[in-house]
Amino acid sequence: MHTGIWVNGGIVELAGSGLVRSVSPTRFLHNRTGEQIFTMGDDRANILSSDLAAVNAQQRIFEYVNYDVIANNCNRFVASCFDLDNTKEIMLFEELTENLANFFNRTPVFYPTAIVF
């Protein structure tokens, strides 16, 4: 599963090349195994968002990092935008989700977006 941060109609992601970039939802899905984007919300369908994460993600656009599918991947990038205490320990989507649950102090629910491409 690929993760990124939705900001101003684009998704800030860490690409496999190591480039942090903002891409359209269509580009985010291009050559991926999934055909749907999910947003994280709570059990009442309120989107869980963070101004801190959005600002941090935007500030990192065009940055290059040493990408590694295990050691420095998209999940760790998202965690770093939230400034999570144990960012360097996060590798798997499940670890990211667990840490974001603690960050928001609620269990996240993933909702398919209603975006038409």
PDB file of N, CA and C in Angstrom:
ATOM      1  N   MET A   1       0.844  -1.171   0.000  1.00  0.00           N
ATOM      2  CA  MET A   1       0.000   0.000   0.000  1.00  0.00           C
ATOM      3  C   MET A   1       0.889   1.234   0.000  1.00  0.00           C
ATOM      4  N   HIS A   2       0.577   2.181  -0.857  1.00  0.00           N
ATOM      5  CA  HIS A   2       1.342   3.419  -0.969  1.00  0.00           C
ATOM      6  C   HIS A   2       0.632   4.507  -0.181  1.00  0.00           C
ATOM      7  N   THR A   3       1.397   5.310   0.556  1.00  0.00           N
ATOM      8  CA  THR A   3       0.806   6.367   1.372  1.00  0.00           C
ATOM      9  C   THR A   3       1.369   7.724   0.996  1.00  0.00           C
ATOM     10  N   GLY A   4       0.566   8.732   1.245  1.00  0.00           N
ATOM     11  CA  GLY A   4       0.960  10.115   1.007  1.00  0.00           C
ATOM     12  C   GLY A   4       0.063  11.024   1.814  1.00  0.00           C
ATOM     13  N   ILE A   5       0.256  12.318   1.656  1.00  0.00           N
ATOM     14  CA  ILE A   5      -0.531  13.303   2.394  1.00  0.00           C
ATOM     15  C   ILE A   5      -1.240  14.207   1.402  1.00  0.00           C
ATOM     16  N   TRP A   6      -2.563  14.244   1.516  1.00  0.00           N
ATOM     17  CA  TRP A   6      -3.402  15.037   0.624  1.00  0.00           C
ATOM     18  C   TRP A   6      -3.311  16.499   1.044  1.00  0.00           C
ATOM     19  N   VAL A   7      -2.854  17.359   0.132  1.00  0.00           N
ATOM     20  CA  VAL A   7      -2.716  18.789   0.409  1.00  0.00           C
ATOM     21  C   VAL A   7      -3.151  19.574  -0.823  1.00  0.00           C
ATOM     22  N   ASN A   8      -4.145  20.408  -0.668  1.00  0.00           N
ATOM     23  CA  ASN A   8      -4.586  21.316  -1.741  1.00  0.00           C
ATOM     24  C   ASN A   8      -4.861  20.607  -3.066  1.00  0.00           C
ATOM     25  N   GLY A   9      -5.539  19.501  -3.023  1.00  0.00           N
ATOM     26  CA  GLY A   9      -5.937  18.802  -4.237  1.00  0.00           C
ATOM     27  C   GLY A   9      -4.895  17.873  -4.825  1.00  0.00           C
ATOM     28  N   GLY A  10      -3.696  17.870  -4.268  1.00  0.00           N
ATOM     29  CA  GLY A  10      -2.647  16.957  -4.707  1.00  0.00           C
ATOM     30  C   GLY A  10      -2.224  16.071  -3.555  1.00  0.00           C
ATOM     31  N   ILE A  11      -1.448  15.063  -3.855  1.00  0.00           N
ATOM     32  CA  ILE A  11      -0.963  14.154  -2.825  1.00  0.00           C
ATOM     33  C   ILE A  11       0.559  14.254  -2.796  1.00  0.00           C
ATOM     34  N   VAL A  12       1.088  14.625  -1.631  1.00  0.00           N
ATOM     35  CA  VAL A  12       2.528  14.702  -1.461  1.00  0.00           C
ATOM     36  C   VAL A  12       3.003  13.295  -1.106  1.00  0.00           C
ATOM     37  N   GLU A  13       3.917  12.784  -1.904  1.00  0.00           N
ATOM     38  CA  GLU A  13       4.399  11.416  -1.735  1.00  0.00           C
ATOM     39  C   GLU A  13       5.908  11.366  -1.824  1.00  0.00           C
ATOM     40  N   LEU A  14       6.457  10.293  -1.286  1.00  0.00           N
ATOM     41  CA  LEU A  14       7.858   9.960  -1.501  1.00  0.00           C
ATOM     42  C   LEU A  14       7.889   8.921  -2.606  1.00  0.00           C
ATOM     43  N   ALA A  15       8.407   9.310  -3.748  1.00  0.00           N
ATOM     44  CA  ALA A  15       8.482   8.399  -4.894  1.00  0.00           C
ATOM     45  C   ALA A  15       9.647   7.426  -4.706  1.00  0.00           C
ATOM     46  N   GLY A  16       9.613   6.340  -5.438  1.00  0.00           N
ATOM     47  CA  GLY A  16      10.675   5.340  -5.388  1.00  0.00           C
ATOM     48  C   GLY A  16      12.029   5.872  -5.811  1.00  0.00           C
ATOM     49  N   SER A  17      12.041   6.998  -6.514  1.00  0.00           N
ATOM     50  CA  SER A  17      13.298   7.632  -6.921  1.00  0.00           C
ATOM     51  C   SER A  17      13.942   8.394  -5.773  1.00  0.00           C
ATOM     52  N   GLY A  18      13.180   8.596  -4.684  1.00  0.00           N
ATOM     53  CA  GLY A  18      13.668   9.384  -3.563  1.00  0.00           C
ATOM     54  C   GLY A  18      13.187  10.825  -3.596  1.00  0.00           C
ATOM     55  N   LEU A  19      12.459  11.185  -4.644  1.00  0.00           N
ATOM     56  CA  LEU A  19      11.950  12.556  -4.781  1.00  0.00           C
ATOM     57  C   LEU A  19      10.631  12.697  -4.025  1.00  0.00           C
ATOM     58  N   VAL A  20      10.550  13.722  -3.196  1.00  0.00           N
ATOM     59  CA  VAL A  20       9.282  14.089  -2.579  1.00  0.00           C
ATOM     60  C   VAL A  20       8.594  15.020  -3.561  1.00  0.00           C
ATOM     61  N   ARG A  21       7.366  14.678  -3.917  1.00  0.00           N
ATOM     62  CA  ARG A  21       6.674  15.456  -4.947  1.00  0.00           C
ATOM     63  C   ARG A  21       5.184  15.487  -4.646  1.00  0.00           C
ATOM     64  N   SER A  22       4.514  16.457  -5.252  1.00  0.00           N
ATOM     65  CA  SER A  22       3.057  16.535  -5.187  1.00  0.00           C
ATOM     66  C   SER A  22       2.526  16.078  -6.531  1.00  0.00           C
ATOM     67  N   VAL A  23       1.610  15.121  -6.486  1.00  0.00           N
ATOM     68  CA  VAL A  23       1.065  14.565  -7.721  1.00  0.00           C
ATOM     69  C   VAL A  23      -0.458  14.590  -7.660  1.00  0.00           C
ATOM     70  N   SER A  24      -1.066  14.499  -8.819  1.00  0.00           N
ATOM     71  CA  SER A  24      -2.522  14.418  -8.888  1.00  0.00           C
ATOM     72  C   SER A  24      -2.971  13.056  -8.368  1.00  0.00           C
ATOM     73  N   PRO A  25      -4.238  12.930  -7.964  1.00  0.00           N
ATOM     74  CA  PRO A  25      -4.739  11.616  -7.554  1.00  0.00           C
ATOM     75  C   PRO A  25      -4.572  10.557  -8.651  1.00  0.00           C
ATOM     76  N   THR A  26      -4.766  10.947  -9.900  1.00  0.00           N
ATOM     77  CA  THR A  26      -4.601  10.001 -11.003  1.00  0.00           C
ATOM     78  C   THR A  26      -3.158   9.514 -11.082  1.00  0.00           C
ATOM     79  N   ARG A  27      -2.209  10.428 -10.964  1.00  0.00           N
ATOM     80  CA  ARG A  27      -0.794  10.056 -11.010  1.00  0.00           C
ATOM     81  C   ARG A  27      -0.411   9.209  -9.795  1.00  0.00           C
ATOM     82  N   PHE A  28      -0.998   9.502  -8.652  1.00  0.00           N
ATOM     83  CA  PHE A  28      -0.724   8.738  -7.436  1.00  0.00           C
ATOM     84  C   PHE A  28      -1.070   7.265  -7.629  1.00  0.00           C
ATOM     85  N   LEU A  29      -2.128   6.993  -8.368  1.00  0.00           N
ATOM     86  CA  LEU A  29      -2.562   5.614  -8.610  1.00  0.00           C
ATOM     87  C   LEU A  29      -1.853   4.943  -9.783  1.00  0.00           C
ATOM     88  N   HIS A  30      -1.224   5.725 -10.655  1.00  0.00           N
ATOM     89  CA  HIS A  30      -0.605   5.198 -11.868  1.00  0.00           C
ATOM     90  C   HIS A  30       0.467   4.151 -11.527  1.00  0.00           C
ATOM     91  N   ASN A  31       0.368   2.990 -12.179  1.00  0.00           N
ATOM     92  CA  ASN A  31       1.297   1.871 -11.991  1.00  0.00           C
ATOM     93  C   ASN A  31       1.340   1.362 -10.557  1.00  0.00           C
ATOM     94  N   ARG A  32       0.222   1.443  -9.872  1.00  0.00           N
ATOM     95  CA  ARG A  32       0.103   0.907  -8.514  1.00  0.00           C
ATOM     96  C   ARG A  32      -0.852  -0.277  -8.568  1.00  0.00           C
ATOM     97  N   THR A  33      -0.854  -1.073  -7.530  1.00  0.00           N
ATOM     98  CA  THR A  33      -1.732  -2.238  -7.509  1.00  0.00           C
ATOM     99  C   THR A  33      -3.176  -1.857  -7.194  1.00  0.00           C
ATOM    100  N   GLY A  34      -3.388  -0.753  -6.506  1.00  0.00           N
ATOM    101  CA  GLY A  34      -4.743  -0.339  -6.154  1.00  0.00           C
ATOM    102  C   GLY A  34      -5.358   0.585  -7.188  1.00  0.00           C
ATOM    103  N   GLU A  35      -6.666   0.633  -7.189  1.00  0.00           N
ATOM    104  CA  GLU A  35      -7.381   1.517  -8.107  1.00  0.00           C
ATOM    105  C   GLU A  35      -8.234   2.528  -7.353  1.00  0.00           C
ATOM    106  N   GLN A  36      -8.012   2.646  -6.057  1.00  0.00           N
ATOM    107  CA  GLN A  36      -8.829   3.508  -5.221  1.00  0.00           C
ATOM    108  C   GLN A  36      -7.938   4.214  -4.206  1.00  0.00           C
ATOM    109  N   ILE A  37      -8.270   5.467  -3.932  1.00  0.00           N
ATOM    110  CA  ILE A  37      -7.587   6.213  -2.880  1.00  0.00           C
ATOM    111  C   ILE A  37      -8.495   6.221  -1.664  1.00  0.00           C
ATOM    112  N   PHE A  38      -7.891   6.009  -0.512  1.00  0.00           N
ATOM    113  CA  PHE A  38      -8.633   6.021   0.746  1.00  0.00           C
ATOM    114  C   PHE A  38      -8.168   7.198   1.588  1.00  0.00           C
ATOM    115  N   THR A  39      -9.103   7.817   2.289  1.00  0.00           N
ATOM    116  CA  THR A  39      -8.758   8.862   3.238  1.00  0.00           C
ATOM    117  C   THR A  39      -8.999   8.325   4.642  1.00  0.00           C
ATOM    118  N   MET A  40      -8.247   8.847   5.580  1.00  0.00           N
ATOM    119  CA  MET A  40      -8.335   8.383   6.953  1.00  0.00           C
ATOM    120  C   MET A  40      -9.289   9.277   7.737  1.00  0.00           C
ATOM    121  N   GLY A  41     -10.252   8.648   8.374  1.00  0.00           N
ATOM    122  CA  GLY A  41     -11.210   9.377   9.189  1.00  0.00           C
ATOM    123  C   GLY A  41     -11.477   8.657  10.486  1.00  0.00           C
ATOM    124  N   ASP A  42     -12.442   9.170  11.230  1.00  0.00           N
ATOM    125  CA  ASP A  42     -12.838   8.493  12.458  1.00  0.00           C
ATOM    126  C   ASP A  42     -14.117   7.700  12.217  1.00  0.00           C
ATOM    127  N   ASP A  43     -14.659   7.123  13.270  1.00  0.00           N
ATOM    128  CA  ASP A  43     -15.833   6.276  13.104  1.00  0.00           C
ATOM    129  C   ASP A  43     -17.108   7.052  12.767  1.00  0.00           C
ATOM    130  N   ARG A  44     -17.037   8.369  12.750  1.00  0.00           N
ATOM    131  CA  ARG A  44     -18.173   9.210  12.348  1.00  0.00           C
ATOM    132  C   ARG A  44     -17.940   9.836  10.972  1.00  0.00           C
ATOM    133  N   ALA A  45     -16.946   9.330  10.263  1.00  0.00           N
ATOM    134  CA  ALA A  45     -16.592   9.769   8.903  1.00  0.00           C
ATOM    135  C   ALA A  45     -16.044  11.190   8.862  1.00  0.00           C
ATOM    136  N   ASN A  46     -15.492  11.672   9.989  1.00  0.00           N
ATOM    137  CA  ASN A  46     -14.776  12.950   9.995  1.00  0.00           C
ATOM    138  C   ASN A  46     -13.343  12.679   9.555  1.00  0.00           C
ATOM    139  N   ILE A  47     -12.871  13.419   8.571  1.00  0.00           N
ATOM    140  CA  ILE A  47     -11.506  13.237   8.094  1.00  0.00           C
ATOM    141  C   ILE A  47     -10.530  13.624   9.197  1.00  0.00           C
ATOM    142  N   LEU A  48      -9.531  12.791   9.411  1.00  0.00           N
ATOM    143  CA  LEU A  48      -8.482  13.099  10.374  1.00  0.00           C
ATOM    144  C   LEU A  48      -7.371  13.826   9.622  1.00  0.00           C
ATOM    145  N   SER A  49      -7.165  15.078   9.977  1.00  0.00           N
ATOM    146  CA  SER A  49      -6.166  15.877   9.278  1.00  0.00           C
ATOM    147  C   SER A  49      -5.278  16.588  10.285  1.00  0.00           C
ATOM    148  N   SER A  50      -4.160  17.071   9.799  1.00  0.00           N
ATOM    149  CA  SER A  50      -3.200  17.769  10.645  1.00  0.00           C
ATOM    150  C   SER A  50      -2.566  18.896   9.843  1.00  0.00           C
ATOM    151  N   ASP A  51      -2.710  20.117  10.339  1.00  0.00           N
ATOM    152  CA  ASP A  51      -2.046  21.251   9.687  1.00  0.00           C
ATOM    153  C   ASP A  51      -0.537  21.067   9.716  1.00  0.00           C
ATOM    154  N   LEU A  52      -0.026  20.536  10.829  1.00  0.00           N
ATOM    155  CA  LEU A  52       1.409  20.287  10.952  1.00  0.00           C
ATOM    156  C   LEU A  52       1.899  19.363   9.841  1.00  0.00           C
ATOM    157  N   ALA A  53       1.197  18.256   9.624  1.00  0.00           N
ATOM    158  CA  ALA A  53       1.602  17.302   8.587  1.00  0.00           C
ATOM    159  C   ALA A  53       1.527  17.928   7.202  1.00  0.00           C
ATOM    160  N   ALA A  54       0.485  18.718   6.952  1.00  0.00           N
ATOM    161  CA  ALA A  54       0.336  19.366   5.642  1.00  0.00           C
ATOM    162  C   ALA A  54       1.478  20.346   5.389  1.00  0.00           C
ATOM    163  N   VAL A  55       1.798  21.162   6.375  1.00  0.00           N
ATOM    164  CA  VAL A  55       2.894  22.133   6.220  1.00  0.00           C
ATOM    165  C   VAL A  55       4.219  21.411   6.035  1.00  0.00           C
ATOM    166  N   ASN A  56       4.469  20.402   6.869  1.00  0.00           N
ATOM    167  CA  ASN A  56       5.726  19.653   6.739  1.00  0.00           C
ATOM    168  C   ASN A  56       5.852  18.979   5.378  1.00  0.00           C
ATOM    169  N   ALA A  57       4.758  18.402   4.892  1.00  0.00           N
ATOM    170  CA  ALA A  57       4.789  17.751   3.577  1.00  0.00           C
ATOM    171  C   ALA A  57       5.088  18.767   2.480  1.00  0.00           C
ATOM    172  N   GLN A  58       4.415  19.905   2.510  1.00  0.00           N
ATOM    173  CA  GLN A  58       4.640  20.931   1.485  1.00  0.00           C
ATOM    174  C   GLN A  58       6.069  21.451   1.510  1.00  0.00           C
ATOM    175  N   GLN A  59       6.626  21.602   2.686  1.00  0.00           N
ATOM    176  CA  GLN A  59       7.996  22.113   2.804  1.00  0.00           C
ATOM    177  C   GLN A  59       9.028  21.138   2.261  1.00  0.00           C
ATOM    178  N   ARG A  60       8.658  19.879   2.151  1.00  0.00           N
ATOM    179  CA  ARG A  60       9.614  18.866   1.687  1.00  0.00           C
ATOM    180  C   ARG A  60       9.523  18.591   0.190  1.00  0.00           C
ATOM    181  N   ILE A  61       8.546  19.191  -0.498  1.00  0.00           N
ATOM    182  CA  ILE A  61       8.420  18.978  -1.948  1.00  0.00           C
ATOM    183  C   ILE A  61       9.729  19.375  -2.635  1.00  0.00           C
ATOM    184  N   PHE A  62      10.179  18.550  -3.534  1.00  0.00           N
ATOM    185  CA  PHE A  62      11.413  18.647  -4.316  1.00  0.00           C
ATOM    186  C   PHE A  62      12.651  18.220  -3.534  1.00  0.00           C
ATOM    187  N   GLU A  63      12.473  17.757  -2.314  1.00  0.00           N
ATOM    188  CA  GLU A  63      13.583  17.199  -1.542  1.00  0.00           C
ATOM    189  C   GLU A  63      13.884  15.789  -2.068  1.00  0.00           C
ATOM    190  N   TYR A  64      15.143  15.429  -2.061  1.00  0.00           N
ATOM    191  CA  TYR A  64      15.537  14.054  -2.377  1.00  0.00           C
ATOM    192  C   TYR A  64      16.001  13.375  -1.100  1.00  0.00           C
ATOM    193  N   VAL A  65      15.545  12.150  -0.911  1.00  0.00           N
ATOM    194  CA  VAL A  65      15.984  11.351   0.231  1.00  0.00           C
ATOM    195  C   VAL A  65      16.489  10.010  -0.286  1.00  0.00           C
ATOM    196  N   ASN A  66      17.241   9.333   0.535  1.00  0.00           N
ATOM    197  CA  ASN A  66      17.769   8.028   0.165  1.00  0.00           C
ATOM    198  C   ASN A  66      16.658   6.997   0.357  1.00  0.00           C
ATOM    199  N   TYR A  67      15.858   6.788  -0.685  1.00  0.00           N
ATOM    200  CA  TYR A  67      14.714   5.882  -0.597  1.00  0.00           C
ATOM    201  C   TYR A  67      15.173   4.437  -0.468  1.00  0.00           C
ATOM    202  N   ASP A  68      14.502   3.735   0.409  1.00  0.00           N
ATOM    203  CA  ASP A  68      14.697   2.294   0.551  1.00  0.00           C
ATOM    204  C   ASP A  68      13.338   1.701   0.879  1.00  0.00           C
ATOM    205  N   VAL A  69      12.919   0.677   0.172  1.00  0.00           N
ATOM    206  CA  VAL A  69      11.587   0.110   0.327  1.00  0.00           C
ATOM    207  C   VAL A  69      11.316  -0.349   1.760  1.00  0.00           C
ATOM    208  N   ILE A  70      12.354  -0.686   2.499  1.00  0.00           N
ATOM    209  CA  ILE A  70      12.173  -1.115   3.884  1.00  0.00           C
ATOM    210  C   ILE A  70      12.598  -0.018   4.866  1.00  0.00           C
ATOM    211  N   ALA A  71      13.781   0.506   4.691  1.00  0.00           N
ATOM    212  CA  ALA A  71      14.363   1.399   5.693  1.00  0.00           C
ATOM    213  C   ALA A  71      13.917   2.856   5.591  1.00  0.00           C
ATOM    214  N   ASN A  72      13.459   3.305   4.429  1.00  0.00           N
ATOM    215  CA  ASN A  72      13.085   4.717   4.266  1.00  0.00           C
ATOM    216  C   ASN A  72      12.033   4.824   3.168  1.00  0.00           C
ATOM    217  N   ASN A  73      10.816   4.427   3.511  1.00  0.00           N
ATOM    218  CA  ASN A  73       9.762   4.312   2.509  1.00  0.00           C
ATOM    219  C   ASN A  73       8.664   5.364   2.703  1.00  0.00           C
ATOM    220  N   CYS A  74       7.579   5.227   1.954  1.00  0.00           N
ATOM    221  CA  CYS A  74       6.490   6.199   1.983  1.00  0.00           C
ATOM    222  C   CYS A  74       5.812   6.266   3.354  1.00  0.00           C
ATOM    223  N   ASN A  75       5.716   5.146   4.047  1.00  0.00           N
ATOM    224  CA  ASN A  75       5.102   5.156   5.379  1.00  0.00           C
ATOM    225  C   ASN A  75       5.944   5.963   6.362  1.00  0.00           C
ATOM    226  N   ARG A  76       7.230   5.806   6.278  1.00  0.00           N
ATOM    227  CA  ARG A  76       8.120   6.590   7.144  1.00  0.00           C
ATOM    228  C   ARG A  76       8.071   8.067   6.771  1.00  0.00           C
ATOM    229  N   PHE A  77       7.957   8.367   5.487  1.00  0.00           N
ATOM    230  CA  PHE A  77       7.821   9.759   5.055  1.00  0.00           C
ATOM    231  C   PHE A  77       6.575  10.396   5.678  1.00  0.00           C
ATOM    232  N   VAL A  78       5.439   9.703   5.593  1.00  0.00           N
ATOM    233  CA  VAL A  78       4.202  10.227   6.176  1.00  0.00           C
ATOM    234  C   VAL A  78       4.375  10.422   7.675  1.00  0.00           C
ATOM    235  N   ALA A  79       4.957   9.445   8.353  1.00  0.00           N
ATOM    236  CA  ALA A  79       5.189   9.556   9.793  1.00  0.00           C
ATOM    237  C   ALA A  79       6.048  10.774  10.114  1.00  0.00           C
ATOM    238  N   SER A  80       7.052  11.026   9.291  1.00  0.00           N
ATOM    239  CA  SER A  80       7.931  12.173   9.545  1.00  0.00           C
ATOM    240  C   SER A  80       7.182  13.490   9.380  1.00  0.00           C
ATOM    241  N   CYS A  81       6.208  13.539   8.489  1.00  0.00           N
ATOM    242  CA  CYS A  81       5.421  14.758   8.313  1.00  0.00           C
ATOM    243  C   CYS A  81       4.552  15.030   9.536  1.00  0.00           C
ATOM    244  N   PHE A  82       4.130  13.972  10.210  1.00  0.00           N
ATOM    245  CA  PHE A  82       3.365  14.123  11.451  1.00  0.00           C
ATOM    246  C   PHE A  82       4.289  14.333  12.649  1.00  0.00           C
ATOM    247  N   ASP A  83       5.596  14.244  12.416  1.00  0.00           N
ATOM    248  CA  ASP A  83       6.590  14.436  13.469  1.00  0.00           C
ATOM    249  C   ASP A  83       6.377  13.456  14.622  1.00  0.00           C
ATOM    250  N   LEU A  84       6.102  12.204  14.260  1.00  0.00           N
ATOM    251  CA  LEU A  84       5.878  11.175  15.270  1.00  0.00           C
ATOM    252  C   LEU A  84       7.187  10.847  15.984  1.00  0.00           C
ATOM    253  N   ASP A  85       7.095  10.577  17.274  1.00  0.00           N
ATOM    254  CA  ASP A  85       8.287  10.336  18.099  1.00  0.00           C
ATOM    255  C   ASP A  85       9.153   9.202  17.573  1.00  0.00           C
ATOM    256  N   ASN A  86       8.540   8.149  17.102  1.00  0.00           N
ATOM    257  CA  ASN A  86       9.298   6.968  16.686  1.00  0.00           C
ATOM    258  C   ASN A  86       9.303   6.796  15.163  1.00  0.00           C
ATOM    259  N   THR A  87       9.377   7.891  14.433  1.00  0.00           N
ATOM    260  CA  THR A  87       9.340   7.857  12.969  1.00  0.00           C
ATOM    261  C   THR A  87      10.335   6.856  12.390  1.00  0.00           C
ATOM    262  N   LYS A  88      11.534   6.813  12.939  1.00  0.00           N
ATOM    263  CA  LYS A  88      12.575   5.939  12.373  1.00  0.00           C
ATOM    264  C   LYS A  88      12.288   4.459  12.574  1.00  0.00           C
ATOM    265  N   GLU A  89      11.320   4.131  13.406  1.00  0.00           N
ATOM    266  CA  GLU A  89      10.953   2.738  13.633  1.00  0.00           C
ATOM    267  C   GLU A  89       9.789   2.296  12.751  1.00  0.00           C
ATOM    268  N   ILE A  90       9.166   3.226  12.056  1.00  0.00           N
ATOM    269  CA  ILE A  90       7.976   2.919  11.261  1.00  0.00           C
ATOM    270  C   ILE A  90       8.389   2.481   9.870  1.00  0.00           C
ATOM    271  N   MET A  91       7.905   1.300   9.483  1.00  0.00           N
ATOM    272  CA  MET A  91       8.195   0.762   8.166  1.00  0.00           C
ATOM    273  C   MET A  91       6.898   0.319   7.482  1.00  0.00           C
ATOM    274  N   LEU A  92       6.063  -0.389   8.202  1.00  0.00           N
ATOM    275  CA  LEU A  92       4.854  -0.975   7.636  1.00  0.00           C
ATOM    276  C   LEU A  92       3.645  -0.045   7.767  1.00  0.00           C
ATOM    277  N   PHE A  93       2.685  -0.231   6.883  1.00  0.00           N
ATOM    278  CA  PHE A  93       1.446   0.548   6.938  1.00  0.00           C
ATOM    279  C   PHE A  93       0.748   0.355   8.285  1.00  0.00           C
ATOM    280  N   GLU A  94       0.762  -0.852   8.792  1.00  0.00           N
ATOM    281  CA  GLU A  94       0.125  -1.135  10.083  1.00  0.00           C
ATOM    282  C   GLU A  94       0.784  -0.347  11.209  1.00  0.00           C
ATOM    283  N   GLU A  95       2.102  -0.204  11.151  1.00  0.00           N
ATOM    284  CA  GLU A  95       2.815   0.579  12.167  1.00  0.00           C
ATOM    285  C   GLU A  95       2.461   2.060  12.060  1.00  0.00           C
ATOM    286  N   LEU A  96       2.367   2.540  10.839  1.00  0.00           N
ATOM    287  CA  LEU A  96       1.960   3.933  10.627  1.00  0.00           C
ATOM    288  C   LEU A  96       0.553   4.161  11.169  1.00  0.00           C
ATOM    289  N   THR A  97      -0.360   3.269  10.837  1.00  0.00           N
ATOM    290  CA  THR A  97      -1.749   3.390  11.279  1.00  0.00           C
ATOM    291  C   THR A  97      -1.842   3.392  12.800  1.00  0.00           C
ATOM    292  N   GLU A  98      -1.128   2.510  13.436  1.00  0.00           N
ATOM    293  CA  GLU A  98      -1.137   2.436  14.903  1.00  0.00           C
ATOM    294  C   GLU A  98      -0.631   3.746  15.522  1.00  0.00           C
ATOM    295  N   ASN A  99       0.436   4.286  14.960  1.00  0.00           N
ATOM    296  CA  ASN A  99       0.994   5.530  15.477  1.00  0.00           C
ATOM    297  C   ASN A  99       0.086   6.717  15.207  1.00  0.00           C
ATOM    298  N   LEU A 100      -0.599   6.723  14.065  1.00  0.00           N
ATOM    299  CA  LEU A 100      -1.541   7.803  13.789  1.00  0.00           C
ATOM    300  C   LEU A 100      -2.773   7.702  14.684  1.00  0.00           C
ATOM    301  N   ALA A 101      -3.156   6.493  15.042  1.00  0.00           N
ATOM    302  CA  ALA A 101      -4.253   6.319  16.006  1.00  0.00           C
ATOM    303  C   ALA A 101      -3.884   6.974  17.331  1.00  0.00           C
ATOM    304  N   ASN A 102      -2.651   6.790  17.763  1.00  0.00           N
ATOM    305  CA  ASN A 102      -2.185   7.434  18.991  1.00  0.00           C
ATOM    306  C   ASN A 102      -2.105   8.946  18.829  1.00  0.00           C
ATOM    307  N   PHE A 103      -1.643   9.409  17.666  1.00  0.00           N
ATOM    308  CA  PHE A 103      -1.522  10.840  17.395  1.00  0.00           C
ATOM    309  C   PHE A 103      -2.891  11.521  17.489  1.00  0.00           C
ATOM    310  N   PHE A 104      -3.903  10.909  16.874  1.00  0.00           N
ATOM    311  CA  PHE A 104      -5.247  11.493  16.850  1.00  0.00           C
ATOM    312  C   PHE A 104      -6.095  11.054  18.053  1.00  0.00           C
ATOM    313  N   ASN A 105      -5.582  10.110  18.817  1.00  0.00           N
ATOM    314  CA  ASN A 105      -6.302   9.579  19.972  1.00  0.00           C
ATOM    315  C   ASN A 105      -7.668   9.006  19.583  1.00  0.00           C
ATOM    316  N   ARG A 106      -7.687   8.312  18.462  1.00  0.00           N
ATOM    317  CA  ARG A 106      -8.897   7.608  18.021  1.00  0.00           C
ATOM    318  C   ARG A 106      -8.512   6.568  16.987  1.00  0.00           C
ATOM    319  N   THR A 107      -9.352   5.594  16.836  1.00  0.00           N
ATOM    320  CA  THR A 107      -9.105   4.530  15.872  1.00  0.00           C
ATOM    321  C   THR A 107      -9.438   5.018  14.474  1.00  0.00           C
ATOM    322  N   PRO A 108      -8.477   4.978  13.562  1.00  0.00           N
ATOM    323  CA  PRO A 108      -8.761   5.444  12.209  1.00  0.00           C
ATOM    324  C   PRO A 108      -9.591   4.433  11.415  1.00  0.00           C
ATOM    325  N   VAL A 109     -10.421   4.978  10.553  1.00  0.00           N
ATOM    326  CA  VAL A 109     -11.221   4.199   9.614  1.00  0.00           C
ATOM    327  C   VAL A 109     -10.840   4.723   8.229  1.00  0.00           C
ATOM    328  N   PHE A 110     -10.695   3.832   7.269  1.00  0.00           N
ATOM    329  CA  PHE A 110     -10.293   4.249   5.929  1.00  0.00           C
ATOM    330  C   PHE A 110     -11.496   4.225   5.002  1.00  0.00           C
ATOM    331  N   TYR A 111     -11.761   5.392   4.411  1.00  0.00           N
ATOM    332  CA  TYR A 111     -12.923   5.567   3.533  1.00  0.00           C
ATOM    333  C   TYR A 111     -12.465   5.763   2.097  1.00  0.00           C
ATOM    334  N   PRO A 112     -13.097   5.073   1.148  1.00  0.00           N
ATOM    335  CA  PRO A 112     -12.764   5.324  -0.255  1.00  0.00           C
ATOM    336  C   PRO A 112     -13.181   6.742  -0.629  1.00  0.00           C
ATOM    337  N   THR A 113     -12.346   7.393  -1.412  1.00  0.00           N
ATOM    338  CA  THR A 113     -12.678   8.739  -1.864  1.00  0.00           C
ATOM    339  C   THR A 113     -13.770   8.683  -2.929  1.00  0.00           C
ATOM    340  N   ALA A 114     -14.442   9.788  -3.072  1.00  0.00           N
ATOM    341  CA  ALA A 114     -15.509   9.876  -4.080  1.00  0.00           C
ATOM    342  C   ALA A 114     -15.003  10.644  -5.288  1.00  0.00           C
ATOM    343  N   ILE A 115     -13.713  10.624  -5.508  1.00  0.00           N
ATOM    344  CA  ILE A 115     -13.127  11.362  -6.629  1.00  0.00           C
ATOM    345  C   ILE A 115     -13.364  10.607  -7.922  1.00  0.00           C
ATOM    346  N   VAL A 116     -13.786  11.319  -8.920  1.00  0.00           N
ATOM    347  CA  VAL A 116     -13.975  10.741 -10.244  1.00  0.00           C
ATOM    348  C   VAL A 116     -12.774  11.144 -11.092  1.00  0.00           C
ATOM    349  N   PHE A 117     -12.133  10.155 -11.700  1.00  0.00           N
ATOM    350  CA  PHE A 117     -10.936  10.426 -12.508  1.00  0.00           C
ATOM    351  C   PHE A 117     -11.288  10.456 -13.973  1.00  0.00           C
TER     352      PHE A 117
END
